[in-house]
Amino acid sequence: MRRSLAGRIWPNATAVILTVVFVFPVYWMFSTAFKVRGDILSDTPVWFPTSPTLENFRTAINADHFWTLVRNSFVVTVGAVLLSLFVAMLAAFALARIKFKGRRGFVLLFMIAQMAPWEVMVIAIYLIARDSDMLNQLLPLTLFYTMMVLPLTVLTLRGFIAAVPKDLEEAAMVDGASRMQAFIKVIFPLLAPGLMSTSLFGFITAWNEFPLVLILNKDAEAQTLPLWLSSFQTAFGDDWGATMAAASLFAIPVLVVFLVLQRKVTGGLTAGAVKG
């Protein structure tokens, strides 16, 4: 019984410690955003805002180009996620259902592309965008963000498609459905967990991306929120309340997307990883 009790205590204690370590910085960021300047600069830590204020959020929202950059971030992020899902579903279906020479090599290439650091390609990407006269535009950012999230999306969806019995698809085709109709009506509804998990991964990756937009988009109105957050901290260096408010506003969309999709995320990632 002692061994059984110890076996239950240490995993739970470890989970509690890790939760505190990871959650506390997020709590401190949000709580600081509501604090007045005196609480922030106090010699003793102020764990809860004594006089909650929204002034820090007003300062962040009224910063130059804030709403323009919010629009830019959503455009490139949502565009990259939707485009990657569309391309990945077609590619994953081909890799899971169609037998052709070199299929294993394609899968290996996707794995290598996923492991490769994109930062080493920034110079090449800049030259492509410059020679195509596409600097300071949102389209190249959307396309390059799509390339970033595409390999994992393809691999994950391939696992889900491979896990769907072929008999279901063949039965639909026997009943008169085309291959495309069988995919839409039989396979696509079963891909919901994989689509949600890869959507979350793609959203976080594109939303947080910094080096590419720093290199490609120099105009203030063509940038995205990660670059704005960096310049905001520089402009409001000692205004930690406004800086934490800006960081909170930047983090809220990711938290909302995660809370909406979190039920399917874990199952989607694990199922896609072990099947196929």
C-alpha atoms as a PDB file:
ATOM      1  CA  MET A   1       0.000   0.000   0.000  1.00  0.00           C
ATOM      2  CA  ARG A   2       2.895   2.376   0.764  1.00  0.00           C
ATOM      3  CA  ARG A   3       4.406   1.705  -2.650  1.00  0.00           C
ATOM      4  CA  SER A   4       1.026   2.237  -4.284  1.00  0.00           C
ATOM      5  CA  LEU A   5       0.530   5.507  -2.383  1.00  0.00           C
ATOM      6  CA  ALA A   6       4.016   6.713  -3.292  1.00  0.00           C
ATOM      7  CA  GLY A   7       3.379   5.765  -6.904  1.00  0.00           C
ATOM      8  CA  ARG A   8       0.328   8.031  -6.927  1.00  0.00           C
ATOM      9  CA  ILE A   9       1.858  10.927  -5.000  1.00  0.00           C
ATOM     10  CA  TRP A  10       4.994  11.637  -7.001  1.00  0.00           C
ATOM     11  CA  PRO A  11       3.318  11.855 -10.447  1.00  0.00           C
ATOM     12  CA  ASN A  12       0.639  14.174  -9.043  1.00  0.00           C
ATOM     13  CA  ALA A  13       3.213  16.286  -7.229  1.00  0.00           C
ATOM     14  CA  THR A  14       5.301  16.539 -10.407  1.00  0.00           C
ATOM     15  CA  ALA A  15       2.221  17.560 -12.389  1.00  0.00           C
ATOM     16  CA  VAL A  16       1.359  20.266  -9.843  1.00  0.00           C
ATOM     17  CA  ILE A  17       4.906  21.654  -9.868  1.00  0.00           C
ATOM     18  CA  LEU A  18       5.056  21.738 -13.671  1.00  0.00           C
ATOM     19  CA  THR A  19       1.624  23.382 -13.819  1.00  0.00           C
ATOM     20  CA  VAL A  20       2.733  26.119 -11.443  1.00  0.00           C
ATOM     21  CA  VAL A  21       5.997  26.659 -13.334  1.00  0.00           C
ATOM     22  CA  PHE A  22       4.246  27.050 -16.697  1.00  0.00           C
ATOM     23  CA  VAL A  23       1.066  28.823 -15.584  1.00  0.00           C
ATOM     24  CA  PHE A  24       2.586  31.368 -13.190  1.00  0.00           C
ATOM     25  CA  PRO A  25       4.326  33.508 -15.889  1.00  0.00           C
ATOM     26  CA  VAL A  26       1.027  33.706 -17.784  1.00  0.00           C
ATOM     27  CA  TYR A  27      -0.828  34.708 -14.628  1.00  0.00           C
ATOM     28  CA  TRP A  28       1.815  37.322 -13.787  1.00  0.00           C
ATOM     29  CA  MET A  29       1.569  38.787 -17.281  1.00  0.00           C
ATOM     30  CA  PHE A  30      -2.224  39.153 -17.117  1.00  0.00           C
ATOM     31  CA  SER A  31      -2.244  40.407 -13.536  1.00  0.00           C
ATOM     32  CA  THR A  32       0.463  42.997 -14.252  1.00  0.00           C
ATOM     33  CA  ALA A  33      -1.616  44.274 -17.170  1.00  0.00           C
ATOM     34  CA  PHE A  34      -4.337  45.300 -14.673  1.00  0.00           C
ATOM     35  CA  LYS A  35      -2.007  46.826 -12.060  1.00  0.00           C
ATOM     36  CA  VAL A  36      -1.336  50.478 -11.475  1.00  0.00           C
ATOM     37  CA  ARG A  37       2.222  51.717 -11.771  1.00  0.00           C
ATOM     38  CA  GLY A  38       2.748  51.747  -7.983  1.00  0.00           C
ATOM     39  CA  ASP A  39       1.917  48.038  -7.674  1.00  0.00           C
ATOM     40  CA  ILE A  40       4.206  47.150 -10.577  1.00  0.00           C
ATOM     41  CA  LEU A  41       7.224  49.051  -9.194  1.00  0.00           C
ATOM     42  CA  SER A  42       6.656  48.019  -5.575  1.00  0.00           C
ATOM     43  CA  ASP A  43       9.647  46.551  -3.728  1.00  0.00           C
ATOM     44  CA  THR A  44       7.464  43.726  -2.427  1.00  0.00           C
ATOM     45  CA  PRO A  45       5.551  41.557  -4.937  1.00  0.00           C
ATOM     46  CA  VAL A  46       1.900  42.468  -5.340  1.00  0.00           C
ATOM     47  CA  TRP A  47       0.194  39.180  -6.167  1.00  0.00           C
ATOM     48  CA  PHE A  48      -3.217  40.653  -6.958  1.00  0.00           C
ATOM     49  CA  PRO A  49      -4.002  44.104  -8.388  1.00  0.00           C
ATOM     50  CA  THR A  50      -5.024  46.368  -5.517  1.00  0.00           C
ATOM     51  CA  SER A  51      -6.765  48.857  -7.817  1.00  0.00           C
ATOM     52  CA  PRO A  52      -7.467  47.119 -11.139  1.00  0.00           C
ATOM     53  CA  THR A  53      -7.242  49.449 -14.117  1.00  0.00           C
ATOM     54  CA  LEU A  54      -7.791  49.226 -17.864  1.00  0.00           C
ATOM     55  CA  GLU A  55      -5.504  52.155 -18.610  1.00  0.00           C
ATOM     56  CA  ASN A  56      -2.682  49.833 -19.664  1.00  0.00           C
ATOM     57  CA  PHE A  57      -4.928  48.222 -22.265  1.00  0.00           C
ATOM     58  CA  ARG A  58      -6.022  51.630 -23.546  1.00  0.00           C
ATOM     59  CA  THR A  59      -2.372  52.579 -24.007  1.00  0.00           C
ATOM     60  CA  ALA A  60      -1.695  49.396 -25.943  1.00  0.00           C
ATOM     61  CA  ILE A  61      -4.782  49.650 -28.139  1.00  0.00           C
ATOM     62  CA  ASN A  62      -4.120  53.305 -28.950  1.00  0.00           C
ATOM     63  CA  ALA A  63      -0.564  52.583 -30.082  1.00  0.00           C
ATOM     64  CA  ASP A  64       0.255  53.342 -33.723  1.00  0.00           C
ATOM     65  CA  HIS A  65      -1.111  50.880 -36.314  1.00  0.00           C
ATOM     66  CA  PHE A  66      -2.457  48.457 -33.678  1.00  0.00           C
ATOM     67  CA  TRP A  67      -5.719  47.565 -35.422  1.00  0.00           C
ATOM     68  CA  THR A  68      -4.040  47.443 -38.830  1.00  0.00           C
ATOM     69  CA  LEU A  69      -1.532  44.923 -37.516  1.00  0.00           C
ATOM     70  CA  VAL A  70      -4.297  42.897 -35.851  1.00  0.00           C
ATOM     71  CA  ARG A  71      -5.966  42.629 -39.252  1.00  0.00           C
ATOM     72  CA  ASN A  72      -2.651  41.693 -40.912  1.00  0.00           C
ATOM     73  CA  SER A  73      -1.947  38.969 -38.366  1.00  0.00           C
ATOM     74  CA  PHE A  74      -5.372  37.408 -38.739  1.00  0.00           C
ATOM     75  CA  VAL A  75      -5.223  37.561 -42.539  1.00  0.00           C
ATOM     76  CA  VAL A  76      -1.857  35.823 -42.866  1.00  0.00           C
ATOM     77  CA  THR A  77      -2.522  33.336 -40.044  1.00  0.00           C
ATOM     78  CA  VAL A  78      -6.002  32.236 -41.097  1.00  0.00           C
ATOM     79  CA  GLY A  79      -4.965  32.231 -44.746  1.00  0.00           C
ATOM     80  CA  ALA A  80      -1.938  30.031 -44.028  1.00  0.00           C
ATOM     81  CA  VAL A  81      -3.979  27.600 -41.924  1.00  0.00           C
ATOM     82  CA  LEU A  82      -6.770  27.218 -44.496  1.00  0.00           C
ATOM     83  CA  LEU A  83      -4.376  26.897 -47.428  1.00  0.00           C
ATOM     84  CA  SER A  84      -2.205  24.339 -45.625  1.00  0.00           C
ATOM     85  CA  LEU A  85      -5.251  22.265 -44.671  1.00  0.00           C
ATOM     86  CA  PHE A  86      -6.527  22.222 -48.258  1.00  0.00           C
ATOM     87  CA  VAL A  87      -3.178  21.233 -49.764  1.00  0.00           C
ATOM     88  CA  ALA A  88      -2.401  18.789 -46.961  1.00  0.00           C
ATOM     89  CA  MET A  89      -5.692  16.905 -47.322  1.00  0.00           C
ATOM     90  CA  LEU A  90      -5.014  16.272 -51.005  1.00  0.00           C
ATOM     91  CA  ALA A  91      -1.390  15.292 -50.401  1.00  0.00           C
ATOM     92  CA  ALA A  92      -2.235  13.118 -47.394  1.00  0.00           C
ATOM     93  CA  PHE A  93      -4.943  11.306 -49.360  1.00  0.00           C
ATOM     94  CA  ALA A  94      -2.477  10.549 -52.159  1.00  0.00           C
ATOM     95  CA  LEU A  95       0.164   9.293 -49.712  1.00  0.00           C
ATOM     96  CA  ALA A  96      -2.326   7.148 -47.771  1.00  0.00           C
ATOM     97  CA  ARG A  97      -4.457   5.710 -50.565  1.00  0.00           C
ATOM     98  CA  ILE A  98      -2.539   5.808 -53.849  1.00  0.00           C
ATOM     99  CA  LYS A  99       0.399   3.463 -54.345  1.00  0.00           C
ATOM    100  CA  PHE A 100       3.145   4.940 -56.485  1.00  0.00           C
ATOM    101  CA  LYS A 101       6.876   4.600 -56.751  1.00  0.00           C
ATOM    102  CA  GLY A 102       8.789   6.777 -54.312  1.00  0.00           C
ATOM    103  CA  ARG A 103       5.928   7.214 -51.833  1.00  0.00           C
ATOM    104  CA  ARG A 104       8.147   6.428 -48.844  1.00  0.00           C
ATOM    105  CA  GLY A 105      10.679   8.937 -50.120  1.00  0.00           C
ATOM    106  CA  PHE A 106       8.010  11.645 -50.179  1.00  0.00           C
ATOM    107  CA  VAL A 107       7.114  10.883 -46.567  1.00  0.00           C
ATOM    108  CA  LEU A 108      10.790  11.063 -45.604  1.00  0.00           C
ATOM    109  CA  LEU A 109      11.126  14.426 -47.346  1.00  0.00           C
ATOM    110  CA  PHE A 110       8.187  15.798 -45.375  1.00  0.00           C
ATOM    111  CA  MET A 111       9.831  14.629 -42.136  1.00  0.00           C
ATOM    112  CA  ILE A 112      13.136  16.252 -43.092  1.00  0.00           C
ATOM    113  CA  ALA A 113      11.340  19.480 -44.026  1.00  0.00           C
ATOM    114  CA  GLN A 114       9.617  19.488 -40.647  1.00  0.00           C
ATOM    115  CA  MET A 115      12.937  19.139 -38.812  1.00  0.00           C
ATOM    116  CA  ALA A 116      14.791  21.773 -40.866  1.00  0.00           C
ATOM    117  CA  PRO A 117      15.105  25.188 -39.178  1.00  0.00           C
ATOM    118  CA  TRP A 118      13.401  27.811 -41.313  1.00  0.00           C
ATOM    119  CA  GLU A 119      15.660  30.562 -40.013  1.00  0.00           C
ATOM    120  CA  VAL A 120      18.535  29.331 -42.196  1.00  0.00           C
ATOM    121  CA  MET A 121      16.387  29.986 -45.279  1.00  0.00           C
ATOM    122  CA  VAL A 122      15.520  33.591 -44.452  1.00  0.00           C
ATOM    123  CA  ILE A 123      18.102  35.016 -46.867  1.00  0.00           C
ATOM    124  CA  ALA A 124      16.908  32.802 -49.729  1.00  0.00           C
ATOM    125  CA  ILE A 125      13.277  33.675 -48.981  1.00  0.00           C
ATOM    126  CA  TYR A 126      14.125  37.380 -48.936  1.00  0.00           C
ATOM    127  CA  LEU A 127      15.822  37.129 -52.331  1.00  0.00           C
ATOM    128  CA  ILE A 128      12.793  35.329 -53.781  1.00  0.00           C
ATOM    129  CA  ALA A 129      10.404  37.968 -52.442  1.00  0.00           C
ATOM    130  CA  ARG A 130      12.643  40.833 -53.583  1.00  0.00           C
ATOM    131  CA  ASP A 131      13.118  39.481 -57.101  1.00  0.00           C
ATOM    132  CA  SER A 132       9.366  38.895 -57.354  1.00  0.00           C
ATOM    133  CA  ASP A 133       8.664  42.470 -56.199  1.00  0.00           C
ATOM    134  CA  MET A 134       6.618  41.153 -53.256  1.00  0.00           C
ATOM    135  CA  LEU A 135       8.268  42.878 -50.309  1.00  0.00           C
ATOM    136  CA  ASN A 136       5.975  44.616 -47.795  1.00  0.00           C
ATOM    137  CA  GLN A 137       3.023  42.470 -48.854  1.00  0.00           C
ATOM    138  CA  LEU A 138       0.913  39.922 -46.977  1.00  0.00           C
ATOM    139  CA  LEU A 139       0.731  37.318 -49.757  1.00  0.00           C
ATOM    140  CA  PRO A 140       4.351  36.096 -49.486  1.00  0.00           C
ATOM    141  CA  LEU A 141       4.013  35.848 -45.709  1.00  0.00           C
ATOM    142  CA  THR A 142       0.893  33.721 -46.126  1.00  0.00           C
ATOM    143  CA  LEU A 143       2.597  31.431 -48.637  1.00  0.00           C
ATOM    144  CA  PHE A 144       5.757  30.990 -46.585  1.00  0.00           C
ATOM    145  CA  TYR A 145       3.765  30.376 -43.392  1.00  0.00           C
ATOM    146  CA  THR A 146       1.848  27.715 -45.301  1.00  0.00           C
ATOM    147  CA  MET A 147       5.131  26.046 -46.196  1.00  0.00           C
ATOM    148  CA  MET A 148       6.158  26.079 -42.535  1.00  0.00           C
ATOM    149  CA  VAL A 149       3.109  24.222 -41.243  1.00  0.00           C
ATOM    150  CA  LEU A 150       2.480  22.009 -44.277  1.00  0.00           C
ATOM    151  CA  PRO A 151       4.842  19.073 -43.494  1.00  0.00           C
ATOM    152  CA  LEU A 152       3.376  18.274 -40.068  1.00  0.00           C
ATOM    153  CA  THR A 153      -0.150  18.819 -41.394  1.00  0.00           C
ATOM    154  CA  VAL A 154       0.422  16.319 -44.194  1.00  0.00           C
ATOM    155  CA  LEU A 155       1.958  13.711 -41.881  1.00  0.00           C
ATOM    156  CA  THR A 156      -0.816  14.038 -39.305  1.00  0.00           C
ATOM    157  CA  LEU A 157      -3.685  13.879 -41.801  1.00  0.00           C
ATOM    158  CA  ARG A 158      -2.023  10.974 -43.598  1.00  0.00           C
ATOM    159  CA  GLY A 159      -2.256   8.983 -40.374  1.00  0.00           C
ATOM    160  CA  PHE A 160      -5.947   9.726 -40.035  1.00  0.00           C
ATOM    161  CA  ILE A 161      -6.772   8.874 -43.642  1.00  0.00           C
ATOM    162  CA  ALA A 162      -4.789   5.636 -43.436  1.00  0.00           C
ATOM    163  CA  ALA A 163      -6.758   4.705 -40.300  1.00  0.00           C
ATOM    164  CA  VAL A 164     -10.090   4.922 -42.137  1.00  0.00           C
ATOM    165  CA  PRO A 165     -10.979   1.436 -43.476  1.00  0.00           C
ATOM    166  CA  LYS A 166     -10.900   1.297 -47.252  1.00  0.00           C
ATOM    167  CA  ASP A 167     -14.116  -0.725 -47.161  1.00  0.00           C
ATOM    168  CA  LEU A 168     -16.087   2.385 -46.207  1.00  0.00           C
ATOM    169  CA  GLU A 169     -14.751   4.326 -49.151  1.00  0.00           C
ATOM    170  CA  GLU A 170     -15.222   1.418 -51.559  1.00  0.00           C
ATOM    171  CA  ALA A 171     -18.781   0.861 -50.335  1.00  0.00           C
ATOM    172  CA  ALA A 172     -19.628   4.478 -51.110  1.00  0.00           C
ATOM    173  CA  MET A 173     -18.118   4.146 -54.584  1.00  0.00           C
ATOM    174  CA  VAL A 174     -20.089   0.945 -55.198  1.00  0.00           C
ATOM    175  CA  ASP A 175     -23.250   2.883 -54.338  1.00  0.00           C
ATOM    176  CA  GLY A 176     -22.450   5.333 -57.124  1.00  0.00           C
ATOM    177  CA  ALA A 177     -20.258   7.944 -55.442  1.00  0.00           C
ATOM    178  CA  SER A 178     -17.144   9.184 -57.190  1.00  0.00           C
ATOM    179  CA  ARG A 179     -13.776   9.093 -55.444  1.00  0.00           C
ATOM    180  CA  MET A 180     -14.111  12.783 -54.589  1.00  0.00           C
ATOM    181  CA  GLN A 181     -17.640  12.300 -53.228  1.00  0.00           C
ATOM    182  CA  ALA A 182     -16.473   9.326 -51.174  1.00  0.00           C
ATOM    183  CA  PHE A 183     -13.669  11.443 -49.751  1.00  0.00           C
ATOM    184  CA  ILE A 184     -15.978  14.340 -48.868  1.00  0.00           C
ATOM    185  CA  LYS A 185     -18.820  12.255 -47.428  1.00  0.00           C
ATOM    186  CA  VAL A 186     -16.910   9.366 -45.807  1.00  0.00           C
ATOM    187  CA  ILE A 187     -13.331  10.346 -45.026  1.00  0.00           C
ATOM    188  CA  PHE A 188     -13.596  14.085 -44.429  1.00  0.00           C
ATOM    189  CA  PRO A 189     -16.036  13.849 -41.451  1.00  0.00           C
ATOM    190  CA  LEU A 190     -13.613  11.442 -39.733  1.00  0.00           C
ATOM    191  CA  LEU A 191     -10.723  13.897 -40.035  1.00  0.00           C
ATOM    192  CA  ALA A 192     -12.112  16.407 -37.522  1.00  0.00           C
ATOM    193  CA  PRO A 193      -9.608  15.601 -34.696  1.00  0.00           C
ATOM    194  CA  GLY A 194      -6.676  15.792 -37.095  1.00  0.00           C
ATOM    195  CA  LEU A 195      -7.918  18.996 -38.697  1.00  0.00           C
ATOM    196  CA  MET A 196      -8.346  20.640 -35.302  1.00  0.00           C
ATOM    197  CA  SER A 197      -4.938  19.627 -33.959  1.00  0.00           C
ATOM    198  CA  THR A 198      -3.097  20.691 -37.106  1.00  0.00           C
ATOM    199  CA  SER A 199      -5.115  23.914 -37.249  1.00  0.00           C
ATOM    200  CA  LEU A 200      -3.990  24.773 -33.730  1.00  0.00           C
ATOM    201  CA  PHE A 201      -0.370  24.003 -34.567  1.00  0.00           C
ATOM    202  CA  GLY A 202      -0.559  26.084 -37.732  1.00  0.00           C
ATOM    203  CA  PHE A 203      -2.288  28.976 -35.980  1.00  0.00           C
ATOM    204  CA  ILE A 204       0.314  29.150 -33.195  1.00  0.00           C
ATOM    205  CA  THR A 205       3.224  28.859 -35.648  1.00  0.00           C
ATOM    206  CA  ALA A 206       1.972  31.567 -38.011  1.00  0.00           C
ATOM    207  CA  TRP A 207       0.701  33.850 -35.237  1.00  0.00           C
ATOM    208  CA  ASN A 208       4.035  33.852 -33.379  1.00  0.00           C
ATOM    209  CA  GLU A 209       6.367  33.973 -36.399  1.00  0.00           C
ATOM    210  CA  PHE A 210       8.897  36.815 -36.145  1.00  0.00           C
ATOM    211  CA  PRO A 211      12.041  36.500 -38.356  1.00  0.00           C
ATOM    212  CA  LEU A 212      10.303  36.441 -41.755  1.00  0.00           C
ATOM    213  CA  VAL A 213       8.100  39.468 -41.184  1.00  0.00           C
ATOM    214  CA  LEU A 214      11.106  41.302 -39.763  1.00  0.00           C
ATOM    215  CA  ILE A 215      13.018  40.723 -43.009  1.00  0.00           C
ATOM    216  CA  LEU A 216      10.259  40.923 -45.629  1.00  0.00           C
ATOM    217  CA  ASN A 217       7.973  43.678 -44.330  1.00  0.00           C
ATOM    218  CA  LYS A 218       9.745  46.874 -43.355  1.00  0.00           C
ATOM    219  CA  ASP A 219       6.734  49.173 -43.745  1.00  0.00           C
ATOM    220  CA  ALA A 220       4.957  49.696 -40.441  1.00  0.00           C
ATOM    221  CA  GLU A 221       1.495  49.072 -41.903  1.00  0.00           C
ATOM    222  CA  ALA A 222       2.577  45.781 -43.531  1.00  0.00           C
ATOM    223  CA  GLN A 223       3.888  44.170 -40.349  1.00  0.00           C
ATOM    224  CA  THR A 224       2.219  41.787 -37.901  1.00  0.00           C
ATOM    225  CA  LEU A 225       1.683  41.737 -34.150  1.00  0.00           C
ATOM    226  CA  PRO A 226       4.904  39.917 -33.105  1.00  0.00           C
ATOM    227  CA  LEU A 227       7.007  42.693 -34.615  1.00  0.00           C
ATOM    228  CA  TRP A 228       4.655  45.324 -33.172  1.00  0.00           C
ATOM    229  CA  LEU A 229       5.058  43.791 -29.715  1.00  0.00           C
ATOM    230  CA  SER A 230       8.840  44.022 -29.974  1.00  0.00           C
ATOM    231  CA  SER A 231       8.746  47.658 -31.095  1.00  0.00           C
ATOM    232  CA  PHE A 232       6.089  48.434 -28.488  1.00  0.00           C
ATOM    233  CA  GLN A 233       8.392  47.263 -25.706  1.00  0.00           C
ATOM    234  CA  THR A 234      11.145  49.460 -27.110  1.00  0.00           C
ATOM    235  CA  ALA A 235       8.888  52.524 -27.336  1.00  0.00           C
ATOM    236  CA  PHE A 236       7.361  52.002 -23.862  1.00  0.00           C
ATOM    237  CA  GLY A 237      10.499  50.634 -22.221  1.00  0.00           C
ATOM    238  CA  ASP A 238       9.698  51.369 -18.562  1.00  0.00           C
ATOM    239  CA  ASP A 239       5.907  51.156 -18.886  1.00  0.00           C
ATOM    240  CA  TRP A 240       5.629  47.522 -17.858  1.00  0.00           C
ATOM    241  CA  GLY A 241       1.889  47.738 -17.387  1.00  0.00           C
ATOM    242  CA  ALA A 242       1.310  48.741 -21.000  1.00  0.00           C
ATOM    243  CA  THR A 243       3.874  46.191 -22.182  1.00  0.00           C
ATOM    244  CA  MET A 244       2.137  43.381 -20.279  1.00  0.00           C
ATOM    245  CA  ALA A 245      -1.213  44.569 -21.600  1.00  0.00           C
ATOM    246  CA  ALA A 246       0.139  44.412 -25.148  1.00  0.00           C
ATOM    247  CA  ALA A 247       1.530  40.927 -24.502  1.00  0.00           C
ATOM    248  CA  SER A 248      -1.835  39.837 -23.069  1.00  0.00           C
ATOM    249  CA  LEU A 249      -3.693  41.115 -26.117  1.00  0.00           C
ATOM    250  CA  PHE A 250      -1.235  39.216 -28.307  1.00  0.00           C
ATOM    251  CA  ALA A 251      -1.747  35.981 -26.345  1.00  0.00           C
ATOM    252  CA  ILE A 252      -5.557  36.083 -26.101  1.00  0.00           C
ATOM    253  CA  PRO A 253      -6.308  34.783 -29.647  1.00  0.00           C
ATOM    254  CA  VAL A 254      -4.045  31.759 -29.130  1.00  0.00           C
ATOM    255  CA  LEU A 255      -5.662  30.997 -25.763  1.00  0.00           C
ATOM    256  CA  VAL A 256      -9.144  31.289 -27.258  1.00  0.00           C
ATOM    257  CA  VAL A 257      -8.302  28.991 -30.175  1.00  0.00           C
ATOM    258  CA  PHE A 258      -6.728  26.476 -27.799  1.00  0.00           C
ATOM    259  CA  LEU A 259      -9.721  26.476 -25.454  1.00  0.00           C
ATOM    260  CA  VAL A 260     -12.082  25.950 -28.382  1.00  0.00           C
ATOM    261  CA  LEU A 261     -10.067  23.103 -29.892  1.00  0.00           C
ATOM    262  CA  GLN A 262      -8.413  21.558 -26.816  1.00  0.00           C
ATOM    263  CA  ARG A 263     -10.811  18.608 -26.555  1.00  0.00           C
ATOM    264  CA  LYS A 264      -9.731  17.319 -29.956  1.00  0.00           C
ATOM    265  CA  VAL A 265      -6.090  18.419 -29.949  1.00  0.00           C
ATOM    266  CA  THR A 266      -4.532  15.656 -27.842  1.00  0.00           C
ATOM    267  CA  GLY A 267      -6.482  12.883 -29.486  1.00  0.00           C
ATOM    268  CA  GLY A 268      -5.724  14.289 -32.913  1.00  0.00           C
ATOM    269  CA  LEU A 269      -1.969  14.475 -32.379  1.00  0.00           C
ATOM    270  CA  THR A 270      -1.660  11.012 -30.812  1.00  0.00           C
ATOM    271  CA  ALA A 271      -3.931   9.291 -33.303  1.00  0.00           C
ATOM    272  CA  GLY A 272      -2.187  10.853 -36.237  1.00  0.00           C
ATOM    273  CA  ALA A 273       1.198   9.906 -34.833  1.00  0.00           C
ATOM    274  CA  VAL A 274       0.622   6.189 -34.271  1.00  0.00           C
ATOM    275  CA  LYS A 275      -1.632   5.225 -37.175  1.00  0.00           C
ATOM    276  CA  GLY A 276      -0.845   4.905 -40.832  1.00  0.00           C
END
